[in-house]
C-alpha cells in the first residue's frame, strides 16, 4: 500500500498522524472496503483549489452573455395598491 493511503480503520485510529501527514507532506487517501473513498488535504491546498482564478469583473466580462443584446429596463408604473 502506498505511503499516503490509509484504510478507514487505520485513519480513524491514527487520525492525528493522518492530519499531520496531510499538512506536511501530500494529500492522504482514505480507502473504504478497498476502494478510494476520500482525500484529506491541508487547508492551504484546499484554498488553492477553491480560489477563483478571476475576479468577478473579469468573470462577467468573459461571460458568453456579454455580447448578447439584453435590454434591462425598469417599469415606470406606479406600485400596486395594497390594503393593510
Protein backbone atom coordinates (compact mmCIF):
# COMPACT_ATOMS: atom_id res chain seq x y z
CA UNK A 1 0.00 0.00 0.00
CA UNK A 2 1.27 3.48 -0.79
CA UNK A 3 2.68 5.71 1.93
CA UNK A 4 -0.18 8.20 1.55
CA UNK A 5 -3.01 5.63 1.52
CA UNK A 6 -4.87 4.65 4.67
CA UNK A 7 -7.52 2.06 5.33
CA UNK A 8 -10.52 3.61 7.06
CA UNK A 9 -9.96 1.81 10.36
CA UNK A 10 -6.31 2.96 10.43
CA UNK A 11 -7.31 6.51 9.53
CA UNK A 12 -9.75 6.58 12.45
CA UNK A 13 -7.30 5.18 14.96
CA UNK A 14 -4.40 7.38 13.80
CA UNK A 15 -6.33 10.50 12.82
CA UNK A 16 -3.77 12.93 14.28
CA UNK A 17 -1.00 11.26 12.29
CA UNK A 18 -3.18 11.37 9.16
CA UNK A 19 -3.79 15.11 9.59
CA UNK A 20 -0.10 15.79 10.26
CA UNK A 21 0.85 13.88 7.11
CA UNK A 22 -1.66 15.83 5.03
CA UNK A 23 -0.37 19.13 6.41
CA UNK A 24 3.32 18.34 5.99
CA UNK A 25 3.60 16.09 3.00
CA UNK A 26 0.93 15.43 0.43
CA UNK A 27 -2.76 14.61 0.15
CA UNK A 28 -3.73 11.47 2.03
CA UNK A 29 -6.10 8.92 0.53
CA UNK A 30 -8.52 7.00 2.74
CA UNK A 31 -9.98 3.76 1.42
CA UNK A 32 -13.19 2.02 2.43
CA UNK A 33 -13.66 -1.66 1.57
CA UNK A 34 -10.59 -1.44 -0.66
CA UNK A 35 -11.92 1.45 -2.76
CA UNK A 36 -10.71 5.05 -2.68
CA UNK A 37 -13.22 6.98 -0.56
CA UNK A 38 -11.87 10.42 0.37
CA UNK A 39 -8.78 12.58 0.14
CA UNK A 40 -7.51 14.57 3.12
CA UNK A 41 -5.62 17.73 2.13
CA UNK A 42 -4.12 20.65 4.02
CA UNK A 43 -6.16 23.81 4.39
CA UNK A 44 -3.61 25.68 2.25
CA UNK A 45 -4.09 23.19 -0.58
CA UNK A 46 -7.87 23.49 -0.20
CA UNK A 47 -7.69 27.29 -0.55
CA UNK A 48 -5.55 26.93 -3.68
CA UNK A 49 -8.06 24.52 -5.21
CA UNK A 50 -11.16 26.57 -4.44
CA UNK A 51 -9.88 30.11 -5.05
CA UNK A 52 -11.47 31.62 -8.17
CA UNK A 53 -8.98 32.19 -10.96
CA UNK A 54 -10.58 35.50 -11.98
CA UNK A 55 -12.20 38.30 -10.06
CA UNK A 56 -15.91 38.98 -10.52
CA UNK A 57 -15.47 41.78 -13.06
CA UNK A 58 -13.24 39.67 -15.31
CA UNK A 59 -15.60 36.73 -14.95
CA UNK A 60 -18.59 38.82 -16.05
CA UNK A 61 -16.69 40.40 -18.94
CA UNK A 62 -15.75 36.93 -20.21
CA UNK A 63 -19.34 35.73 -19.98
CA UNK A 64 -20.87 34.44 -23.22
CA UNK A 65 -23.77 36.80 -22.48
CA UNK A 66 -21.50 39.84 -22.74
CA UNK A 67 -22.31 40.17 -26.45
CA UNK A 68 -26.00 39.36 -26.03
CA UNK A 69 -28.34 42.22 -26.66
CA UNK A 70 -30.10 42.19 -23.31
CA UNK A 71 -32.44 45.07 -22.64
CA UNK A 72 -32.87 45.64 -18.96
CA UNK A 73 -35.40 48.33 -18.20
CA UNK A 74 -37.40 49.23 -15.17
CA UNK A 75 -41.12 49.82 -15.41
CA UNK A 76 -42.25 53.35 -14.60
CA UNK A 77 -45.73 52.23 -13.50
CA UNK A 78 -46.96 53.17 -10.06
CA UNK A 79 -46.80 50.47 -7.42
CA UNK A 80 -49.91 48.43 -6.87
CA UNK A 81 -52.30 49.32 -4.07
CA UNK A 82 -52.13 47.10 -1.02
CA UNK A 83 -54.76 47.01 1.69
CA UNK A 84 -53.36 46.75 5.19
